[in-house]
């Protein structure tokens, strides 16, 4: 999985080249989200993707895309988010 720093660099490239999440380098599928609290899926229009960056023993950093853009946030590591594999 990419780190927060690696994804920030990718987002900067997308913004500099006027690409979009779906047409640019990231080409992210929307797989939804599963809450660890309720176990229920969320299939809203928000894309959530794990990073390899850990904020504390319980929470990790993830990248969130919506109509407003991309932001980093943190959530419980037991939540079900999409994963984007990268080759080292």
PDB file of N, CA and C in Angstrom:
ATOM      1  N   UNK A   1       0.849  -1.177   0.000  1.00  0.00           N
ATOM      2  CA  UNK A   1       0.000   0.000   0.000  1.00  0.00           C
ATOM      3  C   UNK A   1       0.892   1.236   0.000  1.00  0.00           C
ATOM      4  N   UNK A   2       0.447   2.304  -0.626  1.00  0.00           N
ATOM      5  CA  UNK A   2       1.235   3.535  -0.626  1.00  0.00           C
ATOM      6  C   UNK A   2       1.156   4.245   0.723  1.00  0.00           C
ATOM      7  N   UNK A   3       2.171   5.031   1.018  1.00  0.00           N
ATOM      8  CA  UNK A   3       2.151   5.862   2.213  1.00  0.00           C
ATOM      9  C   UNK A   3       1.368   7.138   1.921  1.00  0.00           C
ATOM     10  N   UNK A   4       1.095   7.898   2.966  1.00  0.00           N
ATOM     11  CA  UNK A   4       0.414   9.181   2.794  1.00  0.00           C
ATOM     12  C   UNK A   4       1.257  10.098   1.907  1.00  0.00           C
ATOM     13  N   UNK A   5       2.563  10.103   2.114  1.00  0.00           N
ATOM     14  CA  UNK A   5       3.462  10.945   1.314  1.00  0.00           C
ATOM     15  C   UNK A   5       3.395  10.572  -0.168  1.00  0.00           C
ATOM     16  N   UNK A   6       3.420   9.273  -0.468  1.00  0.00           N
ATOM     17  CA  UNK A   6       3.368   8.826  -1.865  1.00  0.00           C
ATOM     18  C   UNK A   6       2.059   9.242  -2.539  1.00  0.00           C
ATOM     19  N   UNK A   7       0.949   9.117  -1.820  1.00  0.00           N
ATOM     20  CA  UNK A   7      -0.335   9.511  -2.398  1.00  0.00           C
ATOM     21  C   UNK A   7      -0.430  11.018  -2.586  1.00  0.00           C
ATOM     22  N   UNK A   8       0.153  11.795  -1.658  1.00  0.00           N
ATOM     23  CA  UNK A   8       0.172  13.255  -1.820  1.00  0.00           C
ATOM     24  C   UNK A   8       0.900  13.628  -3.106  1.00  0.00           C
ATOM     25  N   UNK A   9       2.001  12.949  -3.388  1.00  0.00           N
ATOM     26  CA  UNK A   9       2.751  13.214  -4.621  1.00  0.00           C
ATOM     27  C   UNK A   9       1.908  12.876  -5.848  1.00  0.00           C
ATOM     28  N   UNK A  10       1.176  11.766  -5.808  1.00  0.00           N
ATOM     29  CA  UNK A  10       0.302  11.392  -6.925  1.00  0.00           C
ATOM     30  C   UNK A  10      -0.801  12.422  -7.133  1.00  0.00           C
ATOM     31  N   UNK A  11      -1.387  12.894  -6.044  1.00  0.00           N
ATOM     32  CA  UNK A  11      -2.460  13.893  -6.140  1.00  0.00           C
ATOM     33  C   UNK A  11      -1.924  15.189  -6.715  1.00  0.00           C
ATOM     34  N   UNK A  12      -0.718  15.580  -6.313  1.00  0.00           N
ATOM     35  CA  UNK A  12      -0.097  16.790  -6.859  1.00  0.00           C
ATOM     36  C   UNK A  12       0.089  16.650  -8.355  1.00  0.00           C
ATOM     37  N   UNK A  13       0.534  15.476  -8.808  1.00  0.00           N
ATOM     38  CA  UNK A  13       0.694  15.234 -10.244  1.00  0.00           C
ATOM     39  C   UNK A  13      -0.639  15.346 -10.973  1.00  0.00           C
ATOM     40  N   UNK A  14      -1.692  14.785 -10.387  1.00  0.00           N
ATOM     41  CA  UNK A  14      -3.021  14.860 -11.002  1.00  0.00           C
ATOM     42  C   UNK A  14      -3.463  16.310 -11.120  1.00  0.00           C
ATOM     43  N   UNK A  15      -3.314  17.075 -10.039  1.00  0.00           N
ATOM     44  CA  UNK A  15      -3.737  18.476 -10.051  1.00  0.00           C
ATOM     45  C   UNK A  15      -2.939  19.298 -11.051  1.00  0.00           C
ATOM     46  N   UNK A  16      -1.660  19.028 -11.175  1.00  0.00           N
ATOM     47  CA  UNK A  16      -0.813  19.783 -12.105  1.00  0.00           C
ATOM     48  C   UNK A  16      -1.111  19.455 -13.558  1.00  0.00           C
ATOM     49  N   UNK A  17      -1.647  18.266 -13.807  1.00  0.00           N
ATOM     50  CA  UNK A  17      -1.925  17.838 -15.178  1.00  0.00           C
ATOM     51  C   UNK A  17      -3.411  17.854 -15.524  1.00  0.00           C
ATOM     52  N   UNK A  18      -4.236  18.439 -14.647  1.00  0.00           N
ATOM     53  CA  UNK A  18      -5.683  18.541 -14.870  1.00  0.00           C
ATOM     54  C   UNK A  18      -6.338  17.187 -15.132  1.00  0.00           C
ATOM     55  N   UNK A  19      -5.825  16.148 -14.510  1.00  0.00           N
ATOM     56  CA  UNK A  19      -6.434  14.818 -14.643  1.00  0.00           C
ATOM     57  C   UNK A  19      -7.504  14.665 -13.565  1.00  0.00           C
ATOM     58  N   UNK A  20      -8.232  13.580 -13.633  1.00  0.00           N
ATOM     59  CA  UNK A  20      -9.234  13.290 -12.615  1.00  0.00           C
ATOM     60  C   UNK A  20      -8.891  11.977 -11.934  1.00  0.00           C
ATOM     61  N   UNK A  21      -9.594  11.697 -10.855  1.00  0.00           N
ATOM     62  CA  UNK A  21      -9.353  10.457 -10.123  1.00  0.00           C
ATOM     63  C   UNK A  21      -9.583   9.247 -11.013  1.00  0.00           C
ATOM     64  N   UNK A  22     -10.618   9.297 -11.843  1.00  0.00           N
ATOM     65  CA  UNK A  22     -10.928   8.130 -12.667  1.00  0.00           C
ATOM     66  C   UNK A  22     -10.106   8.055 -13.946  1.00  0.00           C
ATOM     67  N   UNK A  23      -9.614   9.195 -14.443  1.00  0.00           N
ATOM     68  CA  UNK A  23      -8.848   9.163 -15.691  1.00  0.00           C
ATOM     69  C   UNK A  23      -7.351   9.295 -15.465  1.00  0.00           C
ATOM     70  N   UNK A  24      -6.951   9.717 -14.284  1.00  0.00           N
ATOM     71  CA  UNK A  24      -5.546   9.956 -14.008  1.00  0.00           C
ATOM     72  C   UNK A  24      -4.810   8.710 -13.569  1.00  0.00           C
ATOM     73  N   UNK A  25      -3.651   8.930 -13.012  1.00  0.00           N
ATOM     74  CA  UNK A  25      -2.759   7.852 -12.612  1.00  0.00           C
ATOM     75  C   UNK A  25      -3.397   6.918 -11.585  1.00  0.00           C
ATOM     76  N   UNK A  26      -4.169   7.454 -10.644  1.00  0.00           N
ATOM     77  CA  UNK A  26      -4.711   6.629  -9.570  1.00  0.00           C
ATOM     78  C   UNK A  26      -5.773   5.653 -10.053  1.00  0.00           C
ATOM     79  N   UNK A  27      -6.625   6.065 -10.971  1.00  0.00           N
ATOM     80  CA  UNK A  27      -7.701   5.224 -11.520  1.00  0.00           C
ATOM     81  C   UNK A  27      -8.342   4.353 -10.452  1.00  0.00           C
ATOM     82  N   UNK A  28      -9.009   4.996  -9.536  1.00  0.00           N
ATOM     83  CA  UNK A  28      -9.549   4.307  -8.379  1.00  0.00           C
ATOM     84  C   UNK A  28     -10.931   3.723  -8.622  1.00  0.00           C
ATOM     85  N   UNK A  29     -11.095   2.463  -8.320  1.00  0.00           N
ATOM     86  CA  UNK A  29     -12.440   1.894  -8.354  1.00  0.00           C
ATOM     87  C   UNK A  29     -13.171   2.269  -7.069  1.00  0.00           C
ATOM     88  N   UNK A  30     -14.473   2.272  -7.102  1.00  0.00           N
ATOM     89  CA  UNK A  30     -15.255   2.559  -5.903  1.00  0.00           C
ATOM     90  C   UNK A  30     -15.784   1.251  -5.350  1.00  0.00           C
ATOM     91  N   UNK A  31     -15.216   0.816  -4.235  1.00  0.00           N
ATOM     92  CA  UNK A  31     -15.614  -0.470  -3.663  1.00  0.00           C
ATOM     93  C   UNK A  31     -16.485  -0.313  -2.427  1.00  0.00           C
ATOM     94  N   UNK A  32     -16.749   0.915  -2.006  1.00  0.00           N
ATOM     95  CA  UNK A  32     -17.561   1.136  -0.823  1.00  0.00           C
ATOM     96  C   UNK A  32     -16.735   1.109   0.452  1.00  0.00           C
ATOM     97  N   UNK A  33     -17.424   1.037   1.580  1.00  0.00           N
ATOM     98  CA  UNK A  33     -16.816   1.137   2.898  1.00  0.00           C
ATOM     99  C   UNK A  33     -17.645   0.298   3.862  1.00  0.00           C
ATOM    100  N   UNK A  34     -16.979  -0.395   4.775  1.00  0.00           N
ATOM    101  CA  UNK A  34     -17.690  -1.161   5.797  1.00  0.00           C
ATOM    102  C   UNK A  34     -17.299  -0.648   7.168  1.00  0.00           C
ATOM    103  N   UNK A  35     -18.286  -0.242   7.944  1.00  0.00           N
ATOM    104  CA  UNK A  35     -18.053   0.272   9.287  1.00  0.00           C
ATOM    105  C   UNK A  35     -17.739  -0.864  10.249  1.00  0.00           C
ATOM    106  N   UNK A  36     -16.707  -0.688  11.063  1.00  0.00           N
ATOM    107  CA  UNK A  36     -16.380  -1.701  12.068  1.00  0.00           C
ATOM    108  C   UNK A  36     -17.364  -1.649  13.233  1.00  0.00           C
ATOM    109  N   UNK A  37     -18.048  -0.525  13.402  1.00  0.00           N
ATOM    110  CA  UNK A  37     -19.009  -0.393  14.504  1.00  0.00           C
ATOM    111  C   UNK A  37     -20.320  -1.115  14.205  1.00  0.00           C
ATOM    112  N   UNK A  38     -20.825  -0.952  12.984  1.00  0.00           N
ATOM    113  CA  UNK A  38     -22.130  -1.528  12.641  1.00  0.00           C
ATOM    114  C   UNK A  38     -22.024  -2.751  11.739  1.00  0.00           C
ATOM    115  N   UNK A  39     -20.913  -2.892  11.034  1.00  0.00           N
ATOM    116  CA  UNK A  39     -20.750  -3.976  10.079  1.00  0.00           C
ATOM    117  C   UNK A  39     -21.486  -3.744   8.772  1.00  0.00           C
ATOM    118  N   UNK A  40     -22.176  -2.611   8.682  1.00  0.00           N
ATOM    119  CA  UNK A  40     -22.959  -2.309   7.485  1.00  0.00           C
ATOM    120  C   UNK A  40     -22.104  -1.628   6.422  1.00  0.00           C
ATOM    121  N   UNK A  41     -22.356  -1.946   5.160  1.00  0.00           N
ATOM    122  CA  UNK A  41     -21.624  -1.279   4.072  1.00  0.00           C
ATOM    123  C   UNK A  41     -22.182   0.116   3.799  1.00  0.00           C
ATOM    124  N   UNK A  42     -21.323   0.979   3.293  1.00  0.00           N
ATOM    125  CA  UNK A  42     -21.706   2.325   2.868  1.00  0.00           C
ATOM    126  C   UNK A  42     -21.309   2.418   1.407  1.00  0.00           C
ATOM    127  N   UNK A  43     -22.258   2.593   0.526  1.00  0.00           N
ATOM    128  CA  UNK A  43     -21.952   2.663  -0.901  1.00  0.00           C
ATOM    129  C   UNK A  43     -22.232   4.064  -1.445  1.00  0.00           C
ATOM    130  N   UNK A  44     -21.920   5.066  -0.623  1.00  0.00           N
ATOM    131  CA  UNK A  44     -22.101   6.452  -1.049  1.00  0.00           C
ATOM    132  C   UNK A  44     -21.090   6.796  -2.142  1.00  0.00           C
ATOM    133  N   UNK A  45     -21.107   7.998  -2.609  1.00  0.00           N
ATOM    134  CA  UNK A  45     -20.204   8.429  -3.671  1.00  0.00           C
ATOM    135  C   UNK A  45     -18.824   8.824  -3.194  1.00  0.00           C
ATOM    136  N   UNK A  46     -18.466   8.442  -1.980  1.00  0.00           N
ATOM    137  CA  UNK A  46     -17.155   8.785  -1.427  1.00  0.00           C
ATOM    138  C   UNK A  46     -16.227   7.589  -1.578  1.00  0.00           C
ATOM    139  N   UNK A  47     -15.039   7.823  -2.117  1.00  0.00           N
ATOM    140  CA  UNK A  47     -14.024   6.778  -2.245  1.00  0.00           C
ATOM    141  C   UNK A  47     -13.086   6.893  -1.052  1.00  0.00           C
ATOM    142  N   UNK A  48     -12.881   5.795  -0.355  1.00  0.00           N
ATOM    143  CA  UNK A  48     -11.954   5.756   0.779  1.00  0.00           C
ATOM    144  C   UNK A  48     -10.916   4.677   0.502  1.00  0.00           C
ATOM    145  N   UNK A  49      -9.640   5.028   0.708  1.00  0.00           N
ATOM    146  CA  UNK A  49      -8.563   4.099   0.384  1.00  0.00           C
ATOM    147  C   UNK A  49      -7.484   4.171   1.464  1.00  0.00           C
ATOM    148  N   UNK A  50      -7.097   3.018   1.989  1.00  0.00           N
ATOM    149  CA  UNK A  50      -6.063   2.966   3.016  1.00  0.00           C
ATOM    150  C   UNK A  50      -4.719   3.455   2.492  1.00  0.00           C
ATOM    151  N   UNK A  51      -3.952   4.051   3.400  1.00  0.00           N
ATOM    152  CA  UNK A  51      -2.530   4.277   3.158  1.00  0.00           C
ATOM    153  C   UNK A  51      -1.772   3.344   4.102  1.00  0.00           C
ATOM    154  N   UNK A  52      -0.487   3.293   3.955  1.00  0.00           N
ATOM    155  CA  UNK A  52       0.350   2.482   4.839  1.00  0.00           C
ATOM    156  C   UNK A  52       0.703   3.247   6.114  1.00  0.00           C
ATOM    157  N   UNK A  53       0.333   4.529   6.188  1.00  0.00           N
ATOM    158  CA  UNK A  53       0.686   5.391   7.315  1.00  0.00           C
ATOM    159  C   UNK A  53      -0.233   5.135   8.510  1.00  0.00           C
ATOM    160  N   UNK A  54       0.378   4.966   9.689  1.00  0.00           N
ATOM    161  CA  UNK A  54      -0.355   4.686  10.924  1.00  0.00           C
ATOM    162  C   UNK A  54      -0.304   5.922  11.807  1.00  0.00           C
ATOM    163  N   UNK A  55      -1.454   6.336  12.357  1.00  0.00           N
ATOM    164  CA  UNK A  55      -1.465   7.504  13.232  1.00  0.00           C
ATOM    165  C   UNK A  55      -1.339   7.115  14.701  1.00  0.00           C
ATOM    166  N   UNK A  56      -1.816   5.937  15.079  1.00  0.00           N
ATOM    167  CA  UNK A  56      -1.642   5.394  16.428  1.00  0.00           C
ATOM    168  C   UNK A  56      -1.998   3.904  16.372  1.00  0.00           C
ATOM    169  N   UNK A  57      -1.903   3.172  17.483  1.00  0.00           N
ATOM    170  CA  UNK A  57      -2.162   1.730  17.416  1.00  0.00           C
ATOM    171  C   UNK A  57      -3.566   1.337  16.930  1.00  0.00           C
ATOM    172  N   UNK A  58      -4.535   2.226  17.041  1.00  0.00           N
ATOM    173  CA  UNK A  58      -5.909   1.906  16.662  1.00  0.00           C
ATOM    174  C   UNK A  58      -6.320   2.509  15.333  1.00  0.00           C
ATOM    175  N   UNK A  59      -5.717   3.630  14.948  1.00  0.00           N
ATOM    176  CA  UNK A  59      -6.133   4.367  13.753  1.00  0.00           C
ATOM    177  C   UNK A  59      -5.029   4.430  12.703  1.00  0.00           C
ATOM    178  N   UNK A  60      -5.449   4.405  11.445  1.00  0.00           N
ATOM    179  CA  UNK A  60      -4.538   4.585  10.315  1.00  0.00           C
ATOM    180  C   UNK A  60      -5.071   5.694   9.422  1.00  0.00           C
ATOM    181  N   UNK A  61      -4.192   6.211   8.590  1.00  0.00           N
ATOM    182  CA  UNK A  61      -4.536   7.302   7.678  1.00  0.00           C
ATOM    183  C   UNK A  61      -5.134   6.721   6.402  1.00  0.00           C
ATOM    184  N   UNK A  62      -6.165   7.374   5.896  1.00  0.00           N
ATOM    185  CA  UNK A  62      -6.752   6.975   4.620  1.00  0.00           C
ATOM    186  C   UNK A  62      -6.970   8.198   3.755  1.00  0.00           C
ATOM    187  N   UNK A  63      -7.116   7.967   2.468  1.00  0.00           N
ATOM    188  CA  UNK A  63      -7.367   9.026   1.497  1.00  0.00           C
ATOM    189  C   UNK A  63      -8.836   8.977   1.127  1.00  0.00           C
ATOM    190  N   UNK A  64      -9.489  10.133   1.202  1.00  0.00           N
ATOM    191  CA  UNK A  64     -10.922  10.222   0.906  1.00  0.00           C
ATOM    192  C   UNK A  64     -11.133  11.147  -0.287  1.00  0.00           C
ATOM    193  N   UNK A  65     -11.820  10.637  -1.317  1.00  0.00           N
ATOM    194  CA  UNK A  65     -12.176  11.417  -2.501  1.00  0.00           C
ATOM    195  C   UNK A  65     -13.684  11.618  -2.524  1.00  0.00           C
ATOM    196  N   UNK A  66     -14.093  12.856  -2.797  1.00  0.00           N
ATOM    197  CA  UNK A  66     -15.507  13.118  -3.051  1.00  0.00           C
ATOM    198  C   UNK A  66     -15.590  14.244  -4.075  1.00  0.00           C
ATOM    199  N   UNK A  67     -16.758  14.806  -4.272  1.00  0.00           N
ATOM    200  CA  UNK A  67     -16.916  15.866  -5.271  1.00  0.00           C
ATOM    201  C   UNK A  67     -16.093  17.106  -4.964  1.00  0.00           C
ATOM    202  N   UNK A  68     -15.722  17.292  -3.695  1.00  0.00           N
ATOM    203  CA  UNK A  68     -14.954  18.469  -3.292  1.00  0.00           C
ATOM    204  C   UNK A  68     -13.457  18.296  -3.483  1.00  0.00           C
ATOM    205  N   UNK A  69     -12.996  17.083  -3.697  1.00  0.00           N
ATOM    206  CA  UNK A  69     -11.569  16.848  -3.865  1.00  0.00           C
ATOM    207  C   UNK A  69     -11.082  15.699  -3.001  1.00  0.00           C
ATOM    208  N   UNK A  70      -9.796  15.720  -2.712  1.00  0.00           N
ATOM    209  CA  UNK A  70      -9.162  14.649  -1.950  1.00  0.00           C
ATOM    210  C   UNK A  70      -8.591  15.196  -0.652  1.00  0.00           C
ATOM    211  N   UNK A  71      -8.834  14.478   0.438  1.00  0.00           N
ATOM    212  CA  UNK A  71      -8.287  14.851   1.740  1.00  0.00           C
ATOM    213  C   UNK A  71      -7.834  13.585   2.463  1.00  0.00           C
ATOM    214  N   UNK A  72      -6.881  13.755   3.363  1.00  0.00           N
ATOM    215  CA  UNK A  72      -6.446  12.658   4.216  1.00  0.00           C
ATOM    216  C   UNK A  72      -7.170  12.757   5.549  1.00  0.00           C
ATOM    217  N   UNK A  73      -7.526  11.620   6.095  1.00  0.00           N
ATOM    218  CA  UNK A  73      -8.207  11.555   7.384  1.00  0.00           C
ATOM    219  C   UNK A  73      -7.721  10.287   8.072  1.00  0.00           C
ATOM    220  N   UNK A  74      -8.206  10.020   9.264  1.00  0.00           N
ATOM    221  CA  UNK A  74      -7.845   8.773   9.930  1.00  0.00           C
ATOM    222  C   UNK A  74      -9.109   8.104  10.439  1.00  0.00           C
ATOM    223  N   UNK A  75      -9.060   6.785  10.508  1.00  0.00           N
ATOM    224  CA  UNK A  75     -10.202   6.011  10.980  1.00  0.00           C
ATOM    225  C   UNK A  75      -9.709   4.724  11.622  1.00  0.00           C
ATOM    226  N   UNK A  76     -10.614   4.050  12.283  1.00  0.00           N
ATOM    227  CA  UNK A  76     -10.308   2.802  12.957  1.00  0.00           C
ATOM    228  C   UNK A  76      -9.772   1.780  11.958  1.00  0.00           C
ATOM    229  N   UNK A  77      -8.710   1.109  12.337  1.00  0.00           N
ATOM    230  CA  UNK A  77      -8.078   0.140  11.435  1.00  0.00           C
ATOM    231  C   UNK A  77      -8.953  -1.083  11.181  1.00  0.00           C
ATOM    232  N   UNK A  78     -10.012  -1.249  11.954  1.00  0.00           N
ATOM    233  CA  UNK A  78     -10.933  -2.367  11.743  1.00  0.00           C
ATOM    234  C   UNK A  78     -11.972  -2.068  10.666  1.00  0.00           C
ATOM    235  N   UNK A  79     -12.066  -0.799  10.221  1.00  0.00           N
ATOM    236  CA  UNK A  79     -13.001  -0.445   9.152  1.00  0.00           C
ATOM    237  C   UNK A  79     -12.553  -1.079   7.838  1.00  0.00           C
ATOM    238  N   UNK A  80     -13.486  -1.327   6.960  1.00  0.00           N
ATOM    239  CA  UNK A  80     -13.179  -1.936   5.664  1.00  0.00           C
ATOM    240  C   UNK A  80     -13.103  -0.891   4.570  1.00  0.00           C
ATOM    241  N   UNK A  81     -11.903  -0.585   4.103  1.00  0.00           N
ATOM    242  CA  UNK A  81     -11.676   0.386   3.040  1.00  0.00           C
ATOM    243  C   UNK A  81     -10.985  -0.288   1.866  1.00  0.00           C
ATOM    244  N   UNK A  82     -10.998   0.380   0.728  1.00  0.00           N
ATOM    245  CA  UNK A  82     -10.301  -0.133  -0.455  1.00  0.00           C
ATOM    246  C   UNK A  82      -8.794  -0.076  -0.244  1.00  0.00           C
ATOM    247  N   UNK A  83      -8.086  -0.923  -0.979  1.00  0.00           N
ATOM    248  CA  UNK A  83      -6.627  -0.968  -0.934  1.00  0.00           C
ATOM    249  C   UNK A  83      -6.103  -0.835  -2.350  1.00  0.00           C
ATOM    250  N   UNK A  84      -5.084  -0.022  -2.522  1.00  0.00           N
ATOM    251  CA  UNK A  84      -4.414   0.103  -3.817  1.00  0.00           C
ATOM    252  C   UNK A  84      -2.991  -0.405  -3.646  1.00  0.00           C
ATOM    253  N   UNK A  85      -2.661  -1.492  -4.295  1.00  0.00           N
ATOM    254  CA  UNK A  85      -1.320  -2.070  -4.191  1.00  0.00           C
ATOM    255  C   UNK A  85      -0.377  -1.363  -5.147  1.00  0.00           C
ATOM    256  N   UNK A  86       0.857  -1.174  -4.690  1.00  0.00           N
ATOM    257  CA  UNK A  86       1.885  -0.593  -5.548  1.00  0.00           C
ATOM    258  C   UNK A  86       3.100  -1.503  -5.515  1.00  0.00           C
ATOM    259  N   UNK A  87       3.854  -1.478  -6.591  1.00  0.00           N
ATOM    260  CA  UNK A  87       5.053  -2.299  -6.675  1.00  0.00           C
ATOM    261  C   UNK A  87       6.232  -1.471  -6.204  1.00  0.00           C
ATOM    262  N   UNK A  88       6.989  -2.011  -5.245  1.00  0.00           N
ATOM    263  CA  UNK A  88       8.191  -1.315  -4.753  1.00  0.00           C
ATOM    264  C   UNK A  88       9.304  -1.425  -5.755  1.00  0.00           C
TER     265      UNK A  88
END
